N, C-alpha and C. Protein backbone atom coordinates (compact mmCIF):
# COMPACT_ATOMS: atom_id res chain seq x y z
N MET A 1 12.81 96.87 95.27
CA MET A 1 12.68 98.01 94.98
C MET A 1 13.91 97.85 94.63
N ASN A 2 14.17 98.38 93.36
CA ASN A 2 15.33 98.97 92.96
C ASN A 2 15.84 100.45 92.84
N ARG A 3 17.09 100.61 91.80
CA ARG A 3 17.63 101.92 92.81
C ARG A 3 16.61 103.35 91.70
N GLN A 4 15.75 102.99 90.62
CA GLN A 4 15.44 103.54 90.19
C GLN A 4 14.12 104.37 91.21
N GLU A 5 13.63 102.99 91.77
CA GLU A 5 12.32 103.57 92.38
C GLU A 5 12.55 104.20 93.33
N ALA A 6 13.72 104.12 94.31
CA ALA A 6 14.35 104.64 95.46
C ALA A 6 14.65 106.08 95.23
N LEU A 7 15.33 106.27 93.79
CA LEU A 7 15.77 107.52 93.08
C LEU A 7 14.53 108.20 93.00
N SER A 8 13.20 107.73 92.41
CA SER A 8 11.73 108.50 92.76
C SER A 8 11.51 108.80 93.73
N ILE A 9 11.25 108.30 94.86
CA ILE A 9 11.00 108.27 96.06
C ILE A 9 11.68 109.52 97.01
N LEU A 10 12.85 109.34 96.36
CA LEU A 10 13.59 110.51 97.22
C LEU A 10 13.68 111.82 96.69
N GLN A 11 13.25 111.83 94.95
CA GLN A 11 12.85 113.02 94.43
C GLN A 11 11.80 113.80 94.70
N GLU A 12 10.81 112.92 95.06
CA GLU A 12 9.33 113.32 95.45
C GLU A 12 9.32 113.56 96.71
N HIS A 13 10.06 113.29 97.77
CA HIS A 13 9.96 113.82 99.12
C HIS A 13 11.45 114.83 99.49
N THR A 14 12.25 114.99 98.40
CA THR A 14 13.55 115.69 99.18
C THR A 14 13.79 116.91 97.78
N GLN A 15 13.57 118.25 98.59
CA GLN A 15 13.68 119.17 97.16
C GLN A 15 15.05 119.61 97.48
N SER A 16 15.78 119.35 98.73
CA SER A 16 17.23 119.91 99.33
C SER A 16 18.17 119.73 98.23
N ALA A 17 18.91 120.36 97.41
CA ALA A 17 20.07 119.84 96.72
C ALA A 17 21.05 118.96 98.05
N SER A 18 21.21 119.69 98.84
CA SER A 18 22.36 119.53 99.99
C SER A 18 22.00 118.15 100.51
N LEU A 19 20.59 117.86 100.42
CA LEU A 19 20.10 116.66 101.26
C LEU A 19 20.20 115.20 100.44
N ARG A 20 19.70 115.87 99.15
CA ARG A 20 19.80 114.96 97.90
C ARG A 20 21.66 114.45 97.71
N GLN A 21 22.69 115.47 97.71
CA GLN A 21 23.64 115.27 97.84
C GLN A 21 24.29 114.19 98.80
N HIS A 22 23.72 114.63 100.01
CA HIS A 22 24.17 113.40 100.84
C HIS A 22 23.80 112.21 101.09
N MET A 23 22.62 111.82 100.58
CA MET A 23 21.85 110.75 100.37
C MET A 23 22.82 109.88 99.28
N LEU A 24 23.07 110.33 98.03
CA LEU A 24 23.67 110.14 97.19
C LEU A 24 25.48 109.73 97.52
N ALA A 25 26.12 110.63 98.16
CA ALA A 25 27.42 109.81 98.87
C ALA A 25 27.19 109.11 99.87
N VAL A 26 25.73 108.71 100.54
CA VAL A 26 25.97 107.63 101.49
C VAL A 26 25.72 106.33 100.73
N GLU A 27 25.33 106.47 99.64
CA GLU A 27 24.72 105.47 98.82
C GLU A 27 25.59 104.82 98.55
N ALA A 28 27.09 105.32 97.62
CA ALA A 28 28.20 105.41 97.29
C ALA A 28 28.77 104.63 98.33
N ALA A 29 29.09 105.18 99.14
CA ALA A 29 30.16 104.45 100.61
C ALA A 29 29.07 103.11 101.17
N MET A 30 27.87 103.22 101.20
CA MET A 30 27.67 101.64 101.47
C MET A 30 27.66 100.87 100.29
N ARG A 31 27.39 101.32 98.69
CA ARG A 31 27.77 100.35 98.30
C ARG A 31 29.69 99.65 97.99
N ALA A 32 30.10 100.49 98.32
CA ALA A 32 31.62 100.20 98.44
C ALA A 32 31.81 99.28 99.93
N TYR A 33 31.19 99.95 100.96
CA TYR A 33 31.20 98.87 101.65
C TYR A 33 30.53 97.48 101.74
N ALA A 34 29.38 96.94 100.95
CA ALA A 34 28.97 96.20 100.88
C ALA A 34 29.50 94.80 99.63
N THR A 35 30.53 95.87 98.89
CA THR A 35 31.40 95.24 97.97
C THR A 35 32.78 94.62 99.33
N ARG A 36 33.06 95.24 99.60
CA ARG A 36 34.08 94.64 100.77
C ARG A 36 33.75 93.73 101.34
N PHE A 37 32.27 93.76 102.27
CA PHE A 37 31.99 92.69 102.96
C PHE A 37 31.31 91.30 102.43
N GLY A 38 31.39 91.64 100.78
CA GLY A 38 30.66 90.71 100.30
C GLY A 38 29.52 90.34 99.93
N GLU A 39 28.73 91.68 100.64
CA GLU A 39 27.11 91.49 100.41
C GLU A 39 26.74 92.48 99.47
N ASP A 40 25.40 92.48 99.05
CA ASP A 40 24.75 93.10 97.93
C ASP A 40 24.68 94.22 97.96
N GLN A 41 25.35 94.90 96.98
CA GLN A 41 25.19 96.46 96.29
C GLN A 41 24.11 96.97 96.51
N GLU A 42 22.95 96.34 95.84
CA GLU A 42 21.78 97.30 95.44
C GLU A 42 21.28 97.30 96.50
N SER A 43 21.34 96.52 97.62
CA SER A 43 20.18 96.93 98.76
C SER A 43 20.88 97.38 99.34
N TRP A 44 22.01 97.39 99.69
CA TRP A 44 23.05 98.36 100.81
C TRP A 44 22.76 99.74 100.53
N GLY A 45 22.69 99.58 98.61
CA GLY A 45 23.01 101.19 98.47
C GLY A 45 21.81 101.54 98.21
N ILE A 46 20.56 101.04 97.77
CA ILE A 46 19.30 101.63 98.35
C ILE A 46 18.94 102.15 100.12
N VAL A 47 19.54 101.56 100.63
CA VAL A 47 19.33 101.89 102.38
C VAL A 47 19.80 103.11 102.59
N GLY A 48 21.30 103.13 101.53
CA GLY A 48 21.96 104.37 101.72
C GLY A 48 21.14 105.76 101.01
N LEU A 49 20.77 105.93 99.99
CA LEU A 49 19.86 106.37 99.33
C LEU A 49 18.59 107.01 100.10
N LEU A 50 18.04 105.84 100.60
CA LEU A 50 16.74 106.51 100.99
C LEU A 50 16.81 106.68 102.62
N HIS A 51 18.05 106.36 103.21
CA HIS A 51 17.97 106.49 104.73
C HIS A 51 17.67 108.13 105.05
N ASP A 52 17.28 108.70 104.36
CA ASP A 52 17.17 110.41 104.94
C ASP A 52 16.24 110.92 104.09
N PHE A 53 15.16 110.18 103.89
CA PHE A 53 14.38 110.72 102.29
C PHE A 53 13.32 111.79 102.93
N ASP A 54 12.91 111.37 104.23
CA ASP A 54 12.03 111.88 104.81
C ASP A 54 12.45 113.07 106.11
N TYR A 55 13.45 112.81 105.87
CA TYR A 55 14.11 114.10 107.13
C TYR A 55 13.68 115.41 106.70
N GLU A 56 13.81 116.02 105.35
CA GLU A 56 13.19 117.12 104.83
C GLU A 56 11.82 117.50 105.31
N LYS A 57 10.65 116.80 104.88
CA LYS A 57 9.30 117.09 105.59
C LYS A 57 8.98 116.61 107.16
N PHE A 58 10.03 115.66 107.81
CA PHE A 58 9.35 115.30 109.06
C PHE A 58 10.90 115.11 109.79
N PRO A 59 11.43 116.44 110.22
CA PRO A 59 12.87 116.14 110.83
C PRO A 59 13.01 115.75 112.33
N ASN A 60 12.07 115.78 113.08
CA ASN A 60 11.96 115.20 114.14
C ASN A 60 12.95 115.48 115.01
N ALA A 61 12.85 116.96 115.46
CA ALA A 61 13.62 117.56 116.22
C ALA A 61 13.47 117.12 117.88
N GLU A 62 12.07 116.19 117.95
CA GLU A 62 12.16 115.90 119.38
C GLU A 62 12.46 114.35 119.82
N HIS A 63 13.33 114.11 118.38
CA HIS A 63 13.41 112.62 118.37
C HIS A 63 12.97 111.65 118.95
N SER A 64 11.52 111.40 118.68
CA SER A 64 10.44 110.36 118.90
C SER A 64 11.00 109.17 117.57
N ALA A 65 10.72 107.96 118.73
CA ALA A 65 10.99 107.11 118.20
C ALA A 65 9.89 106.48 117.10
N THR A 66 8.70 107.30 117.46
CA THR A 66 7.73 106.59 116.52
C THR A 66 7.20 107.57 115.50
N GLU A 67 7.44 108.97 115.53
CA GLU A 67 6.53 109.85 114.94
C GLU A 67 7.82 110.56 113.85
N GLY A 68 7.82 111.17 112.83
CA GLY A 68 8.58 112.22 112.16
C GLY A 68 10.01 110.92 111.51
N HIS A 69 11.06 111.67 111.18
CA HIS A 69 12.12 110.69 110.50
C HIS A 69 12.67 109.88 112.17
N PRO A 70 13.01 108.96 111.42
CA PRO A 70 12.88 108.03 110.27
C PRO A 70 11.89 107.26 110.11
N ALA A 71 10.71 107.21 111.23
CA ALA A 71 9.82 106.49 111.25
C ALA A 71 8.76 106.34 110.45
N TRP A 72 8.44 107.61 109.72
CA TRP A 72 7.36 108.03 109.15
C TRP A 72 8.08 107.54 107.54
N GLY A 73 9.29 107.98 107.63
CA GLY A 73 10.09 107.38 106.13
C GLY A 73 9.91 105.81 106.38
N VAL A 74 10.00 105.15 106.92
CA VAL A 74 10.28 103.23 107.28
C VAL A 74 8.92 102.86 106.92
N ASN A 75 7.81 103.28 107.50
CA ASN A 75 6.36 103.20 107.45
C ASN A 75 6.08 103.36 106.10
N LEU A 76 6.52 104.12 105.02
CA LEU A 76 6.17 104.23 103.91
C LEU A 76 6.92 103.21 102.79
N LEU A 77 7.84 103.11 103.31
CA LEU A 77 8.57 102.10 102.43
C LEU A 77 8.39 100.74 102.80
N ARG A 78 7.91 100.47 104.18
CA ARG A 78 7.25 99.15 103.99
C ARG A 78 6.25 98.94 103.19
N SER A 79 5.24 99.68 103.30
CA SER A 79 3.90 100.09 102.55
C SER A 79 4.10 99.54 100.86
N ARG A 80 5.32 100.19 100.52
CA ARG A 80 5.90 100.06 99.05
C ARG A 80 6.83 98.24 99.24
N GLY A 81 6.85 97.11 100.38
CA GLY A 81 7.55 96.22 99.83
C GLY A 81 8.36 96.00 100.49
N VAL A 82 9.46 97.30 100.80
CA VAL A 82 10.30 96.92 101.04
C VAL A 82 11.17 96.09 102.24
N ALA A 83 11.82 95.07 102.27
CA ALA A 83 12.49 94.22 103.08
C ALA A 83 12.52 94.66 104.96
N GLU A 84 12.37 93.98 105.49
CA GLU A 84 12.47 94.52 107.15
C GLU A 84 14.17 94.25 107.27
N PRO A 85 15.04 93.89 106.98
CA PRO A 85 16.57 94.12 107.38
C PRO A 85 16.59 95.61 106.68
N LEU A 86 16.62 95.74 105.67
CA LEU A 86 16.75 97.91 104.88
C LEU A 86 16.07 98.25 105.94
N LEU A 87 14.70 98.09 106.44
CA LEU A 87 13.93 99.59 107.23
C LEU A 87 14.78 98.93 108.47
N ARG A 88 14.95 97.89 109.68
CA ARG A 88 15.66 97.87 110.50
C ARG A 88 16.85 98.84 110.43
N ALA A 89 17.72 99.02 109.39
CA ALA A 89 19.24 99.05 109.35
C ALA A 89 18.76 101.31 109.18
N ILE A 90 17.63 101.49 108.26
CA ILE A 90 17.31 102.80 108.62
C ILE A 90 16.73 103.51 109.58
N LEU A 91 16.07 102.22 110.54
CA LEU A 91 15.42 102.84 111.70
C LEU A 91 17.08 103.32 112.36
N GLY A 92 17.97 102.21 112.75
CA GLY A 92 18.82 101.81 113.08
C GLY A 92 19.79 102.92 113.17
N HIS A 93 20.03 103.72 112.02
CA HIS A 93 20.81 105.18 111.87
C HIS A 93 20.49 105.92 112.73
N ALA A 94 19.36 105.96 113.74
CA ALA A 94 18.92 107.30 114.27
C ALA A 94 18.75 106.47 115.86
N THR A 95 19.89 107.04 116.67
CA THR A 95 19.97 106.50 117.78
C THR A 95 18.94 105.71 118.42
N TYR A 96 17.90 107.61 118.58
CA TYR A 96 16.99 107.45 119.37
C TYR A 96 15.61 106.59 118.85
N SER A 97 15.94 106.10 117.77
CA SER A 97 14.65 105.00 117.31
C SER A 97 14.54 103.60 118.35
N GLY A 98 15.94 103.83 118.86
CA GLY A 98 15.81 102.41 120.12
C GLY A 98 15.88 101.21 119.43
N VAL A 99 16.14 101.01 117.94
CA VAL A 99 16.56 99.78 117.14
C VAL A 99 18.19 99.67 117.21
N PRO A 100 18.35 98.41 117.79
CA PRO A 100 19.75 98.17 117.17
C PRO A 100 20.44 97.84 116.26
N ARG A 101 21.73 98.34 116.09
CA ARG A 101 22.48 98.19 114.91
C ARG A 101 23.08 96.90 114.82
N ASP A 102 22.38 95.71 114.59
CA ASP A 102 22.09 94.14 114.84
C ASP A 102 22.74 93.60 113.48
N THR A 103 23.34 94.31 112.25
CA THR A 103 23.44 93.40 111.12
C THR A 103 24.63 94.63 110.97
N GLN A 104 25.79 94.08 109.93
CA GLN A 104 26.89 94.69 109.27
C GLN A 104 25.99 95.81 108.56
N MET A 105 24.90 95.69 108.10
CA MET A 105 24.35 96.94 107.29
C MET A 105 23.69 97.83 107.83
N ALA A 106 23.23 97.49 108.80
CA ALA A 106 22.81 98.81 109.94
C ALA A 106 23.96 99.58 110.32
N ARG A 107 25.35 98.92 111.22
CA ARG A 107 26.50 99.31 111.24
C ARG A 107 26.98 100.16 110.32
N ALA A 108 27.09 99.69 109.03
CA ALA A 108 27.86 100.48 108.24
C ALA A 108 26.96 101.81 107.72
N LEU A 109 25.45 101.72 107.74
CA LEU A 109 24.92 102.82 107.74
C LEU A 109 25.15 104.28 108.50
N PHE A 110 25.01 103.23 109.74
CA PHE A 110 25.47 104.62 110.83
C PHE A 110 26.69 105.32 111.03
N ALA A 111 27.85 104.31 110.41
CA ALA A 111 29.28 104.49 110.14
C ALA A 111 29.59 105.44 109.35
N VAL A 112 28.88 105.44 108.27
CA VAL A 112 28.74 106.26 106.95
C VAL A 112 28.09 107.82 106.82
N ASP A 113 27.05 107.43 107.44
CA ASP A 113 26.40 108.55 107.48
C ASP A 113 26.97 110.21 107.83
N GLU A 114 27.51 110.18 108.81
CA GLU A 114 27.80 111.17 109.58
C GLU A 114 29.40 111.54 108.91
N LEU A 115 29.77 110.36 108.93
CA LEU A 115 31.45 110.83 107.94
C LEU A 115 31.38 111.64 106.94
N CYS A 116 30.17 110.61 105.68
CA CYS A 116 29.83 111.27 104.36
C CYS A 116 29.90 112.68 104.26
N GLY A 117 28.92 113.21 105.28
CA GLY A 117 28.13 115.06 105.15
C GLY A 117 29.51 115.70 105.94
N PHE A 118 30.42 114.45 106.63
CA PHE A 118 31.73 115.58 107.17
C PHE A 118 32.58 115.65 105.56
N LEU A 119 32.67 114.65 105.05
CA LEU A 119 33.59 114.26 104.12
C LEU A 119 33.29 115.35 102.82
N VAL A 120 31.86 115.55 102.43
CA VAL A 120 31.52 116.49 101.55
C VAL A 120 31.92 118.18 101.64
N ALA A 121 31.73 118.39 103.11
CA ALA A 121 32.39 119.47 103.69
C ALA A 121 33.34 119.96 103.73
N CYS A 122 34.30 118.71 103.82
CA CYS A 122 35.73 119.28 103.57
C CYS A 122 36.28 119.33 102.23
N ALA A 123 35.29 118.57 101.36
CA ALA A 123 35.67 118.71 99.91
C ALA A 123 35.28 120.30 99.53
N LEU A 124 34.37 120.83 99.99
CA LEU A 124 33.76 121.98 99.77
C LEU A 124 34.70 123.11 99.47
N VAL A 125 35.52 123.26 100.80
CA VAL A 125 36.11 123.99 101.37
C VAL A 125 37.86 124.21 100.21
N ARG A 126 38.06 122.98 99.89
CA ARG A 126 39.39 122.61 99.29
C ARG A 126 39.31 123.67 97.91
N PRO A 127 40.36 123.91 97.26
CA PRO A 127 40.39 124.90 95.99
C PRO A 127 39.57 124.05 95.02
N SER A 128 39.87 122.87 95.06
CA SER A 128 39.64 122.19 93.77
C SER A 128 38.13 121.80 94.32
N LYS A 129 37.76 121.81 95.46
CA LYS A 129 36.27 121.61 95.65
C LYS A 129 36.14 119.83 95.20
N SER A 130 36.86 119.11 95.44
CA SER A 130 36.96 117.95 95.03
C SER A 130 37.29 116.83 96.17
N PHE A 131 37.03 115.29 96.28
CA PHE A 131 37.87 114.37 96.97
C PHE A 131 39.30 113.81 96.48
N SER A 132 39.61 114.18 95.40
CA SER A 132 40.58 113.90 94.33
C SER A 132 41.89 114.35 95.40
N ASP A 133 42.14 115.33 95.82
CA ASP A 133 43.06 115.74 96.70
C ASP A 133 42.65 115.33 98.34
N LEU A 134 41.53 114.90 98.37
CA LEU A 134 41.49 114.95 99.82
C LEU A 134 42.58 113.78 100.93
N GLU A 135 42.80 114.49 101.90
CA GLU A 135 43.92 113.52 102.78
C GLU A 135 43.27 112.81 104.10
N VAL A 136 43.18 111.65 104.30
CA VAL A 136 43.00 111.57 105.84
C VAL A 136 43.36 112.63 107.01
N SER A 137 44.45 112.45 107.07
CA SER A 137 45.28 113.98 108.08
C SER A 137 44.04 115.00 107.80
N SER A 138 43.91 116.01 106.59
CA SER A 138 43.53 117.08 106.63
C SER A 138 41.77 117.02 107.19
N VAL A 139 41.14 115.49 107.06
CA VAL A 139 39.78 115.41 107.30
C VAL A 139 40.04 115.41 108.94
N LYS A 140 40.99 114.69 109.73
CA LYS A 140 41.31 114.41 110.77
C LYS A 140 41.32 116.02 111.60
N LYS A 141 42.27 116.81 110.89
CA LYS A 141 42.63 117.95 111.37
C LYS A 141 41.40 118.91 111.65
N LYS A 142 40.17 119.00 110.46
CA LYS A 142 38.79 118.96 110.76
C LYS A 142 37.99 118.77 111.61
N LEU A 143 38.46 117.85 111.85
CA LEU A 143 37.31 116.55 112.47
C LEU A 143 37.48 117.30 114.35
N LYS A 144 38.71 118.20 114.61
CA LYS A 144 39.60 118.53 115.79
C LYS A 144 38.88 119.95 115.83
N ASP A 145 38.37 120.42 114.47
CA ASP A 145 38.07 122.11 114.43
C ASP A 145 36.58 122.08 114.90
N LYS A 146 35.93 122.38 116.31
CA LYS A 146 34.54 122.46 116.53
C LYS A 146 33.58 123.18 115.87
N ALA A 147 34.10 124.58 115.10
CA ALA A 147 33.52 125.45 114.41
C ALA A 147 33.02 125.04 113.08
N PHE A 148 34.39 123.91 112.39
CA PHE A 148 34.16 123.27 111.18
C PHE A 148 32.82 122.19 111.31
N ALA A 149 31.92 122.89 109.89
CA ALA A 149 30.48 121.44 109.95
C ALA A 149 30.42 121.09 111.20
N ARG A 150 29.39 122.42 112.05
CA ARG A 150 28.97 122.10 113.57
C ARG A 150 28.11 120.83 113.59
N GLY A 151 27.59 121.07 112.65
CA GLY A 151 26.66 119.84 112.54
C GLY A 151 26.98 118.71 112.68
N VAL A 152 27.85 118.41 112.64
CA VAL A 152 28.17 116.85 111.97
C VAL A 152 28.77 116.30 113.97
N ASN A 153 28.20 115.45 114.19
CA ASN A 153 28.14 114.48 115.45
C ASN A 153 29.42 113.96 115.21
N ARG A 154 30.49 114.26 115.84
CA ARG A 154 32.00 113.72 115.89
C ARG A 154 31.90 112.81 116.75
N ASP A 155 31.40 112.33 117.90
CA ASP A 155 31.30 111.00 118.99
C ASP A 155 30.89 110.01 117.74
N GLU A 156 29.43 110.38 116.85
CA GLU A 156 29.00 109.21 116.14
C GLU A 156 29.86 108.95 114.79
N VAL A 157 31.07 109.85 114.47
CA VAL A 157 31.70 109.26 113.47
C VAL A 157 32.65 108.37 113.69
N ARG A 158 33.25 108.68 115.36
CA ARG A 158 33.82 107.84 115.81
C ARG A 158 33.39 106.64 116.17
N GLN A 159 32.53 106.80 117.01
CA GLN A 159 31.67 105.68 117.57
C GLN A 159 30.80 104.53 116.42
N GLY A 160 30.71 105.31 114.84
CA GLY A 160 30.27 104.55 113.73
C GLY A 160 31.41 103.47 113.64
N ALA A 161 32.94 103.99 113.29
CA ALA A 161 33.91 103.20 112.96
C ALA A 161 34.48 102.23 113.86
N GLU A 162 34.16 102.34 115.15
CA GLU A 162 34.19 101.11 116.09
C GLU A 162 33.35 100.47 115.98
N GLU A 163 31.97 100.46 116.09
CA GLU A 163 30.56 99.77 115.59
C GLU A 163 31.05 98.76 114.57
N LEU A 164 31.57 99.42 113.44
CA LEU A 164 31.65 98.68 111.98
C LEU A 164 32.85 97.87 112.32
N GLY A 165 33.91 98.21 113.18
CA GLY A 165 35.10 97.56 113.77
C GLY A 165 36.49 97.72 112.67
N VAL A 166 36.15 98.94 112.31
CA VAL A 166 37.43 99.62 111.08
C VAL A 166 38.01 100.74 111.64
N PRO A 167 39.21 100.65 112.13
CA PRO A 167 39.91 102.09 112.48
C PRO A 167 39.37 102.87 111.58
N LEU A 168 39.16 103.99 112.33
CA LEU A 168 39.09 105.33 111.95
C LEU A 168 39.89 105.95 111.27
N ASP A 169 40.91 105.72 110.85
CA ASP A 169 41.76 106.22 109.50
C ASP A 169 41.40 105.87 108.46
N GLU A 170 41.33 104.15 108.83
CA GLU A 170 41.04 103.37 107.67
C GLU A 170 39.40 104.08 107.52
N HIS A 171 38.79 103.98 107.82
CA HIS A 171 36.98 104.26 107.44
C HIS A 171 37.23 105.61 106.82
N ILE A 172 37.91 106.44 106.68
CA ILE A 172 37.69 107.80 106.73
C ILE A 172 38.34 107.53 105.12
N ALA A 173 39.31 106.95 105.09
CA ALA A 173 40.36 106.94 103.83
C ALA A 173 39.36 105.83 103.17
N PHE A 174 38.51 104.98 103.15
CA PHE A 174 37.57 103.89 102.44
C PHE A 174 36.80 104.36 101.72
N CYS A 175 36.23 105.99 102.81
CA CYS A 175 35.04 106.54 102.58
C CYS A 175 35.54 107.39 101.44
N ILE A 176 36.60 108.06 101.41
CA ILE A 176 36.98 108.93 100.59
C ILE A 176 37.09 108.26 99.08
N GLN A 177 37.73 107.44 99.23
CA GLN A 177 38.03 106.55 98.11
C GLN A 177 36.98 106.22 97.57
N ALA A 178 35.59 105.77 98.30
CA ALA A 178 34.32 105.26 97.73
C ALA A 178 33.72 106.39 97.07
N LEU A 179 34.47 107.79 97.56
CA LEU A 179 33.07 108.99 96.96
C LEU A 179 33.38 109.77 95.94
N ARG A 180 34.93 109.39 95.30
CA ARG A 180 36.05 109.82 94.27
C ARG A 180 35.58 109.65 93.02
N PRO A 181 34.81 108.30 92.54
CA PRO A 181 34.46 107.95 91.40
C PRO A 181 33.07 108.29 91.29
N VAL A 182 32.16 109.50 92.44
CA VAL A 182 30.96 109.61 92.06
C VAL A 182 30.84 111.20 92.36
N GLU A 183 31.78 111.63 92.76
CA GLU A 183 31.56 113.46 92.83
C GLU A 183 31.10 114.11 91.91
N ALA A 184 31.32 113.67 90.38
CA ALA A 184 30.24 114.70 89.75
C ALA A 184 28.93 114.82 90.05
N SER A 185 28.36 113.62 90.89
CA SER A 185 27.07 113.41 90.46
C SER A 185 26.78 113.96 92.24
N LEU A 186 27.83 114.35 92.83
CA LEU A 186 27.18 115.40 93.89
C LEU A 186 28.13 116.29 94.00
N ALA A 187 27.72 117.14 92.57
CA ALA A 187 28.00 118.55 92.35
C ALA A 187 29.37 119.06 92.73
N LEU A 188 30.58 117.97 92.95
CA LEU A 188 31.59 117.81 93.23
C LEU A 188 33.00 117.72 92.41
N GLY A 189 33.98 118.84 92.45
CA GLY A 189 34.88 118.73 91.51
C GLY A 189 34.71 119.08 90.03
N GLY A 190 33.85 120.27 90.00
CA GLY A 190 33.17 120.82 88.74
C GLY A 190 31.94 120.07 87.92
N GLY A 191 31.24 119.60 88.94
CA GLY A 191 29.83 118.06 88.41
C GLY A 191 28.78 119.28 88.48
N ALA A 192 27.65 118.51 88.17
CA ALA A 192 26.64 119.07 87.88
C ALA A 192 25.71 119.22 89.04
N PRO A 193 24.62 119.51 89.62
CA PRO A 193 23.84 119.46 90.76
C PRO A 193 23.53 118.27 90.97
N ALA A 194 23.25 118.11 92.57
CA ALA A 194 23.04 116.50 92.78
C ALA A 194 21.92 116.51 92.36
N GLY A 195 21.50 114.91 92.35
CA GLY A 195 19.80 114.89 92.18
C GLY A 195 19.76 113.61 91.60
N GLY A 196 20.80 112.42 91.17
CA GLY A 196 20.77 111.24 90.92
C GLY A 196 21.37 110.81 89.52
C-alpha cells in the first residue's frame, strides 16, 4: 500500500477534521522516527496515517481486543494486503488489544500517538497556533495540568517514551521538530484544513 491508497482509506472512513489532523501528525512523527532509526519512511508513515482510521465508526469504548477499533481496521487492511508487521504495530498501539509492542515501529507508534495529540492541543492554545514557538518546557508544564487536554493519557505519554528508549524531554523535542514542517497540512500556523 502506498501513501495515496492509505489517504483514500483515511478519507473514506474518517470525516472528523480533528481525527484526520491527528493521523497526519502521527504520520509525520513516524516518518521522522523511521529516518532516525534507519527504517522505511513509507511503511512507518502509513502505519501512522492509518492507526486510527476506524476510530470514528468503531470507537470501541468496551476495549474489546477483537471488535471495534483497531481490530476492525486491521481486518480491512489485512484484506487489502497490508503486511503483518504494520498490522501488529497498529494493534499494539491499543494496549487492550493484547498485542505486544515488540518492534521499533510498534513502540514508536505507541510513543508518538498520545504525544502528537497533546502537542497539537498545545499549539492550538498558543497565540501563533503554531509549533514554531512551542518549547519542551511549555509542553511539560501543560502535561502537569490535568484539566488541559483531558483526553490525553499522561501515563501513556511517559510510558511511550520509556518503551522507545528516548528520554521524555528529547522525545517531546523530536516530535515538535517533526511536526513543524507539516503544520500547514494540520491546519496550524495559518494552514488549510487537515485532509491530506
